[in-house]
Amino acid sequence: MKLYYMTDVAELILQEGFGPPEGAGFATPTSHGGYVSDRPVAMDEGAIGDQLLEVRLPDTLDLAEYELDPDELWPWDGREWCVPASVLNRYASARLLDGEEADDVWLHSWLAA
């Protein structure tokens, strides 16, 4: 499963993994997880940072309990999960997309919407 994560601390996440709520990859002190989505989330939609990570998780990993209620999200067609750092660090592989790759992902997500 390929998901995306917007951040301003990509190198820290790639070196040390997703951290505790006060560290890399967390939006609020109570979330205890990284917000990943099936398409990039723009800063005006709540993303923090302008670096786009591609996060790959095994297709067999069940994320249902972490999925956010689409009725409570802003009006967009994507899906979003708040996955605990322990799950992301154990199962995910992440890489920072370079400018051209990120542009392609953004373009594809806008065309699909």
PDB file of N, CA and C in Angstrom:
ATOM      1  N   MET A   1       0.860  -1.163   0.000  1.00  0.00           N
ATOM      2  CA  MET A   1       0.000   0.000   0.000  1.00  0.00           C
ATOM      3  C   MET A   1       0.909   1.228   0.000  1.00  0.00           C
ATOM      4  N   LYS A   2       0.638   2.143  -0.930  1.00  0.00           N
ATOM      5  CA  LYS A   2       1.426   3.363  -1.018  1.00  0.00           C
ATOM      6  C   LYS A   2       0.613   4.524  -0.464  1.00  0.00           C
ATOM      7  N   LEU A   3       1.167   5.192   0.541  1.00  0.00           N
ATOM      8  CA  LEU A   3       0.519   6.335   1.175  1.00  0.00           C
ATOM      9  C   LEU A   3       1.491   7.508   1.168  1.00  0.00           C
ATOM     10  N   TYR A   4       0.997   8.662   1.600  1.00  0.00           N
ATOM     11  CA  TYR A   4       1.818   9.867   1.583  1.00  0.00           C
ATOM     12  C   TYR A   4       1.769  10.565   2.929  1.00  0.00           C
ATOM     13  N   TYR A   5       2.852  11.279   3.206  1.00  0.00           N
ATOM     14  CA  TYR A   5       2.964  12.008   4.459  1.00  0.00           C
ATOM     15  C   TYR A   5       3.700  13.319   4.194  1.00  0.00           C
ATOM     16  N   MET A   6       3.074  14.430   4.538  1.00  0.00           N
ATOM     17  CA  MET A   6       3.689  15.747   4.393  1.00  0.00           C
ATOM     18  C   MET A   6       4.354  16.121   5.714  1.00  0.00           C
ATOM     19  N   THR A   7       5.548  16.710   5.626  1.00  0.00           N
ATOM     20  CA  THR A   7       6.290  17.043   6.830  1.00  0.00           C
ATOM     21  C   THR A   7       7.286  18.152   6.555  1.00  0.00           C
ATOM     22  N   ASP A   8       7.843  18.696   7.605  1.00  0.00           N
ATOM     23  CA  ASP A   8       8.958  19.627   7.462  1.00  0.00           C
ATOM     24  C   ASP A   8      10.227  19.038   8.080  1.00  0.00           C
ATOM     25  N   VAL A   9      10.169  17.768   8.482  1.00  0.00           N
ATOM     26  CA  VAL A   9      11.320  17.088   9.093  1.00  0.00           C
ATOM     27  C   VAL A   9      11.558  15.714   8.451  1.00  0.00           C
ATOM     28  N   ALA A  10      11.532  15.664   7.136  1.00  0.00           N
ATOM     29  CA  ALA A  10      11.664  14.391   6.428  1.00  0.00           C
ATOM     30  C   ALA A  10      12.962  13.664   6.771  1.00  0.00           C
ATOM     31  N   GLU A  11      14.078  14.377   6.764  1.00  0.00           N
ATOM     32  CA  GLU A  11      15.364  13.723   7.039  1.00  0.00           C
ATOM     33  C   GLU A  11      15.394  13.120   8.443  1.00  0.00           C
ATOM     34  N   LEU A  12      14.821  13.807   9.411  1.00  0.00           N
ATOM     35  CA  LEU A  12      14.764  13.283  10.770  1.00  0.00           C
ATOM     36  C   LEU A  12      13.940  11.995  10.826  1.00  0.00           C
ATOM     37  N   ILE A  13      12.810  11.990  10.144  1.00  0.00           N
ATOM     38  CA  ILE A  13      11.969  10.788  10.108  1.00  0.00           C
ATOM     39  C   ILE A  13      12.713   9.644   9.431  1.00  0.00           C
ATOM     40  N   LEU A  14      13.383   9.924   8.320  1.00  0.00           N
ATOM     41  CA  LEU A  14      14.104   8.884   7.594  1.00  0.00           C
ATOM     42  C   LEU A  14      15.267   8.322   8.410  1.00  0.00           C
ATOM     43  N   GLN A  15      15.895   9.159   9.227  1.00  0.00           N
ATOM     44  CA  GLN A  15      17.027   8.714  10.039  1.00  0.00           C
ATOM     45  C   GLN A  15      16.595   8.028  11.329  1.00  0.00           C
ATOM     46  N   GLU A  16      15.575   8.582  11.991  1.00  0.00           N
ATOM     47  CA  GLU A  16      15.223   8.111  13.328  1.00  0.00           C
ATOM     48  C   GLU A  16      13.853   7.449  13.418  1.00  0.00           C
ATOM     49  N   GLY A  17      13.082   7.509  12.371  1.00  0.00           N
ATOM     50  CA  GLY A  17      11.736   6.944  12.386  1.00  0.00           C
ATOM     51  C   GLY A  17      10.716   7.949  12.877  1.00  0.00           C
ATOM     52  N   PHE A  18       9.474   7.546  12.817  1.00  0.00           N
ATOM     53  CA  PHE A  18       8.404   8.384  13.347  1.00  0.00           C
ATOM     54  C   PHE A  18       8.540   8.385  14.854  1.00  0.00           C
ATOM     55  N   GLY A  19       8.377   9.544  15.463  1.00  0.00           N
ATOM     56  CA  GLY A  19       8.673   9.671  16.883  1.00  0.00           C
ATOM     57  C   GLY A  19       7.454   9.867  17.747  1.00  0.00           C
ATOM     58  N   PRO A  20       7.700  10.206  19.007  1.00  0.00           N
ATOM     59  CA  PRO A  20       6.604  10.448  19.951  1.00  0.00           C
ATOM     60  C   PRO A  20       5.839  11.710  19.570  1.00  0.00           C
ATOM     61  N   PRO A  21       4.686  11.947  20.177  1.00  0.00           N
ATOM     62  CA  PRO A  21       3.845  13.077  19.788  1.00  0.00           C
ATOM     63  C   PRO A  21       4.565  14.409  19.720  1.00  0.00           C
ATOM     64  N   GLU A  22       5.534  14.659  20.582  1.00  0.00           N
ATOM     65  CA  GLU A  22       6.203  15.940  20.549  1.00  0.00           C
ATOM     66  C   GLU A  22       7.321  15.977  19.512  1.00  0.00           C
ATOM     67  N   GLY A  23       7.542  14.867  18.813  1.00  0.00           N
ATOM     68  CA  GLY A  23       8.636  14.794  17.849  1.00  0.00           C
ATOM     69  C   GLY A  23       8.151  14.753  16.422  1.00  0.00           C
ATOM     70  N   ALA A  24       8.963  14.210  15.576  1.00  0.00           N
ATOM     71  CA  ALA A  24       8.700  14.186  14.136  1.00  0.00           C
ATOM     72  C   ALA A  24       7.476  13.351  13.788  1.00  0.00           C
ATOM     73  N   GLY A  25       6.658  13.889  12.932  1.00  0.00           N
ATOM     74  CA  GLY A  25       5.578  13.108  12.364  1.00  0.00           C
ATOM     75  C   GLY A  25       4.266  13.168  13.090  1.00  0.00           C
ATOM     76  N   PHE A  26       4.069  14.117  13.985  1.00  0.00           N
ATOM     77  CA  PHE A  26       2.846  14.156  14.755  1.00  0.00           C
ATOM     78  C   PHE A  26       2.229  15.534  14.736  1.00  0.00           C
ATOM     79  N   ALA A  27       0.932  15.585  14.614  1.00  0.00           N
ATOM     80  CA  ALA A  27       0.232  16.860  14.506  1.00  0.00           C
ATOM     81  C   ALA A  27      -0.214  17.402  15.862  1.00  0.00           C
ATOM     82  N   THR A  28      -0.619  16.535  16.763  1.00  0.00           N
ATOM     83  CA  THR A  28      -1.111  16.994  18.065  1.00  0.00           C
ATOM     84  C   THR A  28      -0.567  16.094  19.163  1.00  0.00           C
ATOM     85  N   PRO A  29      -0.495  16.602  20.399  1.00  0.00           N
ATOM     86  CA  PRO A  29       0.013  15.780  21.499  1.00  0.00           C
ATOM     87  C   PRO A  29      -0.843  14.566  21.812  1.00  0.00           C
ATOM     88  N   THR A  30      -2.077  14.531  21.371  1.00  0.00           N
ATOM     89  CA  THR A  30      -2.948  13.399  21.688  1.00  0.00           C
ATOM     90  C   THR A  30      -3.069  12.404  20.539  1.00  0.00           C
ATOM     91  N   SER A  31      -2.507  12.690  19.374  1.00  0.00           N
ATOM     92  CA  SER A  31      -2.708  11.812  18.226  1.00  0.00           C
ATOM     93  C   SER A  31      -1.905  10.521  18.321  1.00  0.00           C
ATOM     94  N   HIS A  32      -0.697  10.564  18.876  1.00  0.00           N
ATOM     95  CA  HIS A  32       0.161   9.393  19.025  1.00  0.00           C
ATOM     96  C   HIS A  32       0.389   8.652  17.717  1.00  0.00           C
ATOM     97  N   GLY A  33       0.295   9.348  16.597  1.00  0.00           N
ATOM     98  CA  GLY A  33       0.533   8.686  15.328  1.00  0.00           C
ATOM     99  C   GLY A  33       0.760   9.643  14.198  1.00  0.00           C
ATOM    100  N   GLY A  34       1.295   9.113  13.111  1.00  0.00           N
ATOM    101  CA  GLY A  34       1.523   9.910  11.926  1.00  0.00           C
ATOM    102  C   GLY A  34       0.298   9.876  11.028  1.00  0.00           C
ATOM    103  N   TYR A  35      -0.051  11.030  10.501  1.00  0.00           N
ATOM    104  CA  TYR A  35      -1.188  11.111   9.583  1.00  0.00           C
ATOM    105  C   TYR A  35      -0.709  10.799   8.177  1.00  0.00           C
ATOM    106  N   VAL A  36      -1.137   9.659   7.655  1.00  0.00           N
ATOM    107  CA  VAL A  36      -0.808   9.257   6.293  1.00  0.00           C
ATOM    108  C   VAL A  36      -2.102   9.220   5.490  1.00  0.00           C
ATOM    109  N   SER A  37      -1.963   9.455   4.187  1.00  0.00           N
ATOM    110  CA  SER A  37      -3.160   9.528   3.349  1.00  0.00           C
ATOM    111  C   SER A  37      -2.885   8.906   1.983  1.00  0.00           C
ATOM    112  N   ASP A  38      -3.972   8.628   1.271  1.00  0.00           N
ATOM    113  CA  ASP A  38      -3.824   8.006  -0.043  1.00  0.00           C
ATOM    114  C   ASP A  38      -3.487   9.019  -1.128  1.00  0.00           C
ATOM    115  N   ARG A  39      -3.437  10.281  -0.778  1.00  0.00           N
ATOM    116  CA  ARG A  39      -2.957  11.334  -1.664  1.00  0.00           C
ATOM    117  C   ARG A  39      -2.340  12.413  -0.790  1.00  0.00           C
ATOM    118  N   PRO A  40      -1.452  13.220  -1.337  1.00  0.00           N
ATOM    119  CA  PRO A  40      -0.844  14.261  -0.507  1.00  0.00           C
ATOM    120  C   PRO A  40      -1.893  15.229   0.034  1.00  0.00           C
ATOM    121  N   VAL A  41      -1.651  15.692   1.239  1.00  0.00           N
ATOM    122  CA  VAL A  41      -2.517  16.686   1.862  1.00  0.00           C
ATOM    123  C   VAL A  41      -1.795  18.027   1.771  1.00  0.00           C
ATOM    124  N   ALA A  42      -2.475  19.023   1.229  1.00  0.00           N
ATOM    125  CA  ALA A  42      -1.872  20.345   1.065  1.00  0.00           C
ATOM    126  C   ALA A  42      -1.837  21.094   2.388  1.00  0.00           C
ATOM    127  N   MET A  43      -0.989  22.106   2.452  1.00  0.00           N
ATOM    128  CA  MET A  43      -0.871  22.883   3.681  1.00  0.00           C
ATOM    129  C   MET A  43      -2.189  23.563   4.032  1.00  0.00           C
ATOM    130  N   ASP A  44      -2.961  23.984   3.025  1.00  0.00           N
ATOM    131  CA  ASP A  44      -4.250  24.622   3.331  1.00  0.00           C
ATOM    132  C   ASP A  44      -5.307  23.600   3.744  1.00  0.00           C
ATOM    133  N   GLU A  45      -4.947  22.322   3.680  1.00  0.00           N
ATOM    134  CA  GLU A  45      -5.834  21.254   4.146  1.00  0.00           C
ATOM    135  C   GLU A  45      -5.373  20.704   5.500  1.00  0.00           C
ATOM    136  N   GLY A  46      -4.351  21.320   6.074  1.00  0.00           N
ATOM    137  CA  GLY A  46      -3.901  20.911   7.397  1.00  0.00           C
ATOM    138  C   GLY A  46      -2.533  20.270   7.472  1.00  0.00           C
ATOM    139  N   ALA A  47      -1.873  20.079   6.335  1.00  0.00           N
ATOM    140  CA  ALA A  47      -0.541  19.472   6.362  1.00  0.00           C
ATOM    141  C   ALA A  47       0.464  20.421   7.000  1.00  0.00           C
ATOM    142  N   ILE A  48       1.467  19.827   7.608  1.00  0.00           N
ATOM    143  CA  ILE A  48       2.560  20.597   8.189  1.00  0.00           C
ATOM    144  C   ILE A  48       3.803  20.295   7.368  1.00  0.00           C
ATOM    145  N   GLY A  49       4.359  21.309   6.724  1.00  0.00           N
ATOM    146  CA  GLY A  49       5.577  21.134   5.945  1.00  0.00           C
ATOM    147  C   GLY A  49       5.308  20.980   4.461  1.00  0.00           C
ATOM    148  N   ASP A  50       6.406  21.013   3.700  1.00  0.00           N
ATOM    149  CA  ASP A  50       6.295  20.924   2.249  1.00  0.00           C
ATOM    150  C   ASP A  50       7.146  19.802   1.661  1.00  0.00           C
ATOM    151  N   GLN A  51       7.587  18.887   2.514  1.00  0.00           N
ATOM    152  CA  GLN A  51       8.343  17.733   2.054  1.00  0.00           C
ATOM    153  C   GLN A  51       7.398  16.540   1.993  1.00  0.00           C
ATOM    154  N   LEU A  52       7.424  15.850   0.868  1.00  0.00           N
ATOM    155  CA  LEU A  52       6.493  14.735   0.660  1.00  0.00           C
ATOM    156  C   LEU A  52       7.216  13.402   0.796  1.00  0.00           C
ATOM    157  N   LEU A  53       6.782  12.630   1.775  1.00  0.00           N
ATOM    158  CA  LEU A  53       7.292  11.271   1.948  1.00  0.00           C
ATOM    159  C   LEU A  53       6.315  10.291   1.315  1.00  0.00           C
ATOM    160  N   GLU A  54       6.860   9.325   0.603  1.00  0.00           N
ATOM    161  CA  GLU A  54       6.075   8.182   0.145  1.00  0.00           C
ATOM    162  C   GLU A  54       6.268   7.105   1.199  1.00  0.00           C
ATOM    163  N   VAL A  55       5.171   6.641   1.760  1.00  0.00           N
ATOM    164  CA  VAL A  55       5.205   5.644   2.829  1.00  0.00           C
ATOM    165  C   VAL A  55       4.586   4.368   2.291  1.00  0.00           C
ATOM    166  N   ARG A  56       5.368   3.306   2.281  1.00  0.00           N
ATOM    167  CA  ARG A  56       4.864   2.014   1.803  1.00  0.00           C
ATOM    168  C   ARG A  56       4.659   1.072   2.981  1.00  0.00           C
ATOM    169  N   LEU A  57       3.472   0.486   3.001  1.00  0.00           N
ATOM    170  CA  LEU A  57       3.107  -0.498   4.022  1.00  0.00           C
ATOM    171  C   LEU A  57       2.664  -1.776   3.321  1.00  0.00           C
ATOM    172  N   PRO A  58       2.828  -2.930   3.968  1.00  0.00           N
ATOM    173  CA  PRO A  58       2.380  -4.179   3.356  1.00  0.00           C
ATOM    174  C   PRO A  58       0.874  -4.130   3.065  1.00  0.00           C
ATOM    175  N   ASP A  59       0.478  -4.632   1.907  1.00  0.00           N
ATOM    176  CA  ASP A  59      -0.945  -4.678   1.554  1.00  0.00           C
ATOM    177  C   ASP A  59      -1.748  -5.511   2.539  1.00  0.00           C
ATOM    178  N   THR A  60      -1.093  -6.424   3.212  1.00  0.00           N
ATOM    179  CA  THR A  60      -1.789  -7.295   4.164  1.00  0.00           C
ATOM    180  C   THR A  60      -2.012  -6.633   5.525  1.00  0.00           C
ATOM    181  N   LEU A  61      -1.410  -5.492   5.756  1.00  0.00           N
ATOM    182  CA  LEU A  61      -1.561  -4.793   7.031  1.00  0.00           C
ATOM    183  C   LEU A  61      -2.928  -4.122   7.084  1.00  0.00           C
ATOM    184  N   ASP A  62      -3.714  -4.450   8.090  1.00  0.00           N
ATOM    185  CA  ASP A  62      -5.064  -3.895   8.240  1.00  0.00           C
ATOM    186  C   ASP A  62      -4.996  -2.568   8.996  1.00  0.00           C
ATOM    187  N   LEU A  63      -5.340  -1.486   8.307  1.00  0.00           N
ATOM    188  CA  LEU A  63      -5.313  -0.152   8.908  1.00  0.00           C
ATOM    189  C   LEU A  63      -6.702   0.349   9.290  1.00  0.00           C
ATOM    190  N   ALA A  64      -7.697  -0.505   9.214  1.00  0.00           N
ATOM    191  CA  ALA A  64      -9.087  -0.078   9.438  1.00  0.00           C
ATOM    192  C   ALA A  64      -9.283   0.649  10.768  1.00  0.00           C
ATOM    193  N   GLU A  65      -8.657   0.182  11.824  1.00  0.00           N
ATOM    194  CA  GLU A  65      -8.868   0.809  13.135  1.00  0.00           C
ATOM    195  C   GLU A  65      -8.241   2.198  13.224  1.00  0.00           C
ATOM    196  N   TYR A  66      -7.358   2.527  12.293  1.00  0.00           N
ATOM    197  CA  TYR A  66      -6.689   3.826  12.314  1.00  0.00           C
ATOM    198  C   TYR A  66      -7.294   4.834  11.336  1.00  0.00           C
ATOM    199  N   GLU A  67      -8.221   4.361  10.501  1.00  0.00           N
ATOM    200  CA  GLU A  67      -8.779   5.257   9.483  1.00  0.00           C
ATOM    201  C   GLU A  67      -9.670   6.314  10.124  1.00  0.00           C
ATOM    202  N   LEU A  68      -9.505   7.538   9.672  1.00  0.00           N
ATOM    203  CA  LEU A  68     -10.316   8.641  10.165  1.00  0.00           C
ATOM    204  C   LEU A  68     -11.657   8.651   9.457  1.00  0.00           C
ATOM    205  N   ASP A  69     -12.689   9.077  10.147  1.00  0.00           N
ATOM    206  CA  ASP A  69     -14.037   9.140   9.602  1.00  0.00           C
ATOM    207  C   ASP A  69     -14.081  10.187   8.488  1.00  0.00           C
ATOM    208  N   PRO A  70     -14.381   9.776   7.260  1.00  0.00           N
ATOM    209  CA  PRO A  70     -14.391  10.737   6.151  1.00  0.00           C
ATOM    210  C   PRO A  70     -15.408  11.860   6.344  1.00  0.00           C
ATOM    211  N   ASP A  71     -16.451  11.624   7.109  1.00  0.00           N
ATOM    212  CA  ASP A  71     -17.444  12.672   7.348  1.00  0.00           C
ATOM    213  C   ASP A  71     -16.904  13.774   8.254  1.00  0.00           C
ATOM    214  N   GLU A  72     -15.826  13.482   8.981  1.00  0.00           N
ATOM    215  CA  GLU A  72     -15.235  14.479   9.870  1.00  0.00           C
ATOM    216  C   GLU A  72     -14.033  15.179   9.257  1.00  0.00           C
ATOM    217  N   LEU A  73     -13.655  14.769   8.055  1.00  0.00           N
ATOM    218  CA  LEU A  73     -12.538  15.396   7.368  1.00  0.00           C
ATOM    219  C   LEU A  73     -13.034  16.576   6.554  1.00  0.00           C
ATOM    220  N   TRP A  74     -12.092  17.446   6.186  1.00  0.00           N
ATOM    221  CA  TRP A  74     -12.447  18.561   5.314  1.00  0.00           C
ATOM    222  C   TRP A  74     -12.975  17.998   4.002  1.00  0.00           C
ATOM    223  N   PRO A  75     -13.619  18.810   3.192  1.00  0.00           N
ATOM    224  CA  PRO A  75     -14.222  18.288   1.951  1.00  0.00           C
ATOM    225  C   PRO A  75     -13.176  17.935   0.890  1.00  0.00           C
ATOM    226  N   TRP A  76     -12.731  16.716   0.910  1.00  0.00           N
ATOM    227  CA  TRP A  76     -11.837  16.194  -0.123  1.00  0.00           C
ATOM    228  C   TRP A  76     -12.122  14.721  -0.298  1.00  0.00           C
ATOM    229  N   ASP A  77     -11.642  14.151  -1.370  1.00  0.00           N
ATOM    230  CA  ASP A  77     -11.988  12.778  -1.721  1.00  0.00           C
ATOM    231  C   ASP A  77     -10.997  11.739  -1.221  1.00  0.00           C
ATOM    232  N   GLY A  78     -10.017  12.162  -0.438  1.00  0.00           N
ATOM    233  CA  GLY A  78      -8.992  11.234   0.002  1.00  0.00           C
ATOM    234  C   GLY A  78      -9.379  10.438   1.229  1.00  0.00           C
ATOM    235  N   ARG A  79      -8.519   9.502   1.572  1.00  0.00           N
ATOM    236  CA  ARG A  79      -8.657   8.723   2.802  1.00  0.00           C
ATOM    237  C   ARG A  79      -7.437   9.020   3.656  1.00  0.00           C
ATOM    238  N   GLU A  80      -7.631   9.043   4.976  1.00  0.00           N
ATOM    239  CA  GLU A  80      -6.539   9.377   5.882  1.00  0.00           C
ATOM    240  C   GLU A  80      -6.578   8.472   7.107  1.00  0.00           C
ATOM    241  N   TRP A  81      -5.379   8.142   7.602  1.00  0.00           N
ATOM    242  CA  TRP A  81      -5.226   7.295   8.761  1.00  0.00           C
ATOM    243  C   TRP A  81      -4.284   7.962   9.743  1.00  0.00           C
ATOM    244  N   CYS A  82      -4.518   7.762  11.024  1.00  0.00           N
ATOM    245  CA  CYS A  82      -3.584   8.195  12.070  1.00  0.00           C
ATOM    246  C   CYS A  82      -2.982   6.911  12.634  1.00  0.00           C
ATOM    247  N   VAL A  83      -1.819   6.561  12.118  1.00  0.00           N
ATOM    248  CA  VAL A  83      -1.186   5.278  12.434  1.00  0.00           C
ATOM    249  C   VAL A  83      -0.145   5.474  13.536  1.00  0.00           C
ATOM    250  N   PRO A  84      -0.188   4.649  14.580  1.00  0.00           N
ATOM    251  CA  PRO A  84       0.805   4.782  15.651  1.00  0.00           C
ATOM    252  C   PRO A  84       2.238   4.679  15.127  1.00  0.00           C
ATOM    253  N   ALA A  85       3.131   5.416  15.759  1.00  0.00           N
ATOM    254  CA  ALA A  85       4.538   5.392  15.377  1.00  0.00           C
ATOM    255  C   ALA A  85       5.095   3.972  15.424  1.00  0.00           C
ATOM    256  N   SER A  86       4.685   3.195  16.407  1.00  0.00           N
ATOM    257  CA  SER A  86       5.207   1.827  16.526  1.00  0.00           C
ATOM    258  C   SER A  86       4.863   0.991  15.291  1.00  0.00           C
ATOM    259  N   VAL A  87       3.685   1.195  14.724  1.00  0.00           N
ATOM    260  CA  VAL A  87       3.276   0.463  13.521  1.00  0.00           C
ATOM    261  C   VAL A  87       4.051   0.978  12.316  1.00  0.00           C
ATOM    262  N   LEU A  88       4.131   2.304  12.169  1.00  0.00           N
ATOM    263  CA  LEU A  88       4.872   2.872  11.043  1.00  0.00           C
ATOM    264  C   LEU A  88       6.338   2.447  11.074  1.00  0.00           C
ATOM    265  N   ASN A  89       6.944   2.522  12.243  1.00  0.00           N
ATOM    266  CA  ASN A  89       8.367   2.185  12.343  1.00  0.00           C
ATOM    267  C   ASN A  89       8.634   0.697  12.127  1.00  0.00           C
ATOM    268  N   ARG A  90       7.670  -0.125  12.447  1.00  0.00           N
ATOM    269  CA  ARG A  90       7.860  -1.566  12.284  1.00  0.00           C
ATOM    270  C   ARG A  90       7.617  -2.020  10.846  1.00  0.00           C
ATOM    271  N   TYR A  91       6.582  -1.478  10.201  1.00  0.00           N
ATOM    272  CA  TYR A  91       6.155  -2.018   8.911  1.00  0.00           C
ATOM    273  C   TYR A  91       6.425  -1.120   7.704  1.00  0.00           C
ATOM    274  N   ALA A  92       6.619   0.159   7.920  1.00  0.00           N
ATOM    275  CA  ALA A  92       6.699   1.089   6.786  1.00  0.00           C
ATOM    276  C   ALA A  92       8.121   1.260   6.274  1.00  0.00           C
ATOM    277  N   SER A  93       8.202   1.477   4.991  1.00  0.00           N
ATOM    278  CA  SER A  93       9.424   2.009   4.398  1.00  0.00           C
ATOM    279  C   SER A  93       9.032   3.372   3.835  1.00  0.00           C
ATOM    280  N   ALA A  94       9.883   4.344   4.042  1.00  0.00           N
ATOM    281  CA  ALA A  94       9.560   5.702   3.610  1.00  0.00           C
ATOM    282  C   ALA A  94      10.720   6.268   2.816  1.00  0.00           C
ATOM    283  N   ARG A  95      10.390   7.123   1.869  1.00  0.00           N
ATOM    284  CA  ARG A  95      11.421   7.821   1.117  1.00  0.00           C
ATOM    285  C   ARG A  95      10.917   9.212   0.761  1.00  0.00           C
ATOM    286  N   LEU A  96      11.837  10.135   0.722  1.00  0.00           N
ATOM    287  CA  LEU A  96      11.519  11.506   0.363  1.00  0.00           C
ATOM    288  C   LEU A  96      11.457  11.602  -1.145  1.00  0.00           C
ATOM    289  N   LEU A  97      10.342  12.105  -1.661  1.00  0.00           N
ATOM    290  CA  LEU A  97      10.213  12.280  -3.104  1.00  0.00           C
ATOM    291  C   LEU A  97      10.911  13.567  -3.507  1.00  0.00           C
ATOM    292  N   ASP A  98      11.698  13.482  -4.587  1.00  0.00           N
ATOM    293  CA  ASP A  98      12.361  14.691  -5.066  1.00  0.00           C
ATOM    294  C   ASP A  98      11.338  15.580  -5.768  1.00  0.00           C
ATOM    295  N   GLY A  99      11.742  16.753  -6.163  1.00  0.00           N
ATOM    296  CA  GLY A  99      10.829  17.738  -6.732  1.00  0.00           C
ATOM    297  C   GLY A  99       9.985  17.221  -7.879  1.00  0.00           C
ATOM    298  N   GLU A 100      10.619  16.564  -8.856  1.00  0.00           N
ATOM    299  CA  GLU A 100       9.882  16.063 -10.017  1.00  0.00           C
ATOM    300  C   GLU A 100       8.908  14.951  -9.638  1.00  0.00           C
ATOM    301  N   GLU A 101       9.360  14.034  -8.787  1.00  0.00           N
ATOM    302  CA  GLU A 101       8.477  12.947  -8.338  1.00  0.00           C
ATOM    303  C   GLU A 101       7.290  13.510  -7.559  1.00  0.00           C
ATOM    304  N   ALA A 102       7.559  14.448  -6.664  1.00  0.00           N
ATOM    305  CA  ALA A 102       6.481  15.051  -5.875  1.00  0.00           C
ATOM    306  C   ALA A 102       5.503  15.785  -6.785  1.00  0.00           C
ATOM    307  N   ASP A 103       6.016  16.513  -7.760  1.00  0.00           N
ATOM    308  CA  ASP A 103       5.141  17.208  -8.706  1.00  0.00           C
ATOM    309  C   ASP A 103       4.238  16.232  -9.443  1.00  0.00           C
ATOM    310  N   ASP A 104       4.794  15.088  -9.850  1.00  0.00           N
ATOM    311  CA  ASP A 104       3.992  14.066 -10.546  1.00  0.00           C
ATOM    312  C   ASP A 104       2.887  13.520  -9.647  1.00  0.00           C
ATOM    313  N   VAL A 105       3.208  13.274  -8.370  1.00  0.00           N
ATOM    314  CA  VAL A 105       2.207  12.762  -7.432  1.00  0.00           C
ATOM    315  C   VAL A 105       1.105  13.803  -7.237  1.00  0.00           C
ATOM    316  N   TRP A 106       1.490  15.072  -7.032  1.00  0.00           N
ATOM    317  CA  TRP A 106       0.498  16.142  -6.868  1.00  0.00           C
ATOM    318  C   TRP A 106      -0.385  16.245  -8.096  1.00  0.00           C
ATOM    319  N   LEU A 107       0.211  16.239  -9.293  1.00  0.00           N
ATOM    320  CA  LEU A 107      -0.563  16.347 -10.523  1.00  0.00           C
ATOM    321  C   LEU A 107      -1.553  15.195 -10.656  1.00  0.00           C
ATOM    322  N   HIS A 108      -1.068  13.965 -10.399  1.00  0.00           N
ATOM    323  CA  HIS A 108      -1.950  12.802 -10.480  1.00  0.00           C
ATOM    324  C   HIS A 108      -3.099  12.899  -9.475  1.00  0.00           C
ATOM    325  N   SER A 109      -2.825  13.372  -8.264  1.00  0.00           N
ATOM    326  CA  SER A 109      -3.886  13.450  -7.256  1.00  0.00           C
ATOM    327  C   SER A 109      -4.917  14.517  -7.625  1.00  0.00           C
ATOM    328  N   TRP A 110      -4.458  15.613  -8.237  1.00  0.00           N
ATOM    329  CA  TRP A 110      -5.414  16.663  -8.664  1.00  0.00           C
ATOM    330  C   TRP A 110      -6.270  16.180  -9.831  1.00  0.00           C
ATOM    331  N   LEU A 111      -5.663  15.452 -10.763  1.00  0.00           N
ATOM    332  CA  LEU A 111      -6.427  14.952 -11.911  1.00  0.00           C
ATOM    333  C   LEU A 111      -7.437  13.889 -11.484  1.00  0.00           C
ATOM    334  N   ALA A 112      -7.088  13.109 -10.466  1.00  0.00           N
ATOM    335  CA  ALA A 112      -7.982  12.029 -10.003  1.00  0.00           C
ATOM    336  C   ALA A 112      -9.137  12.552  -9.166  1.00  0.00           C
ATOM    337  N   ALA A 113      -8.990  13.748  -8.606  1.00  0.00           N
ATOM    338  CA  ALA A 113     -10.032  14.289  -7.715  1.00  0.00           C
ATOM    339  C   ALA A 113     -11.257  14.737  -8.483  1.00  0.00           C
TER     340      ALA A 113
END
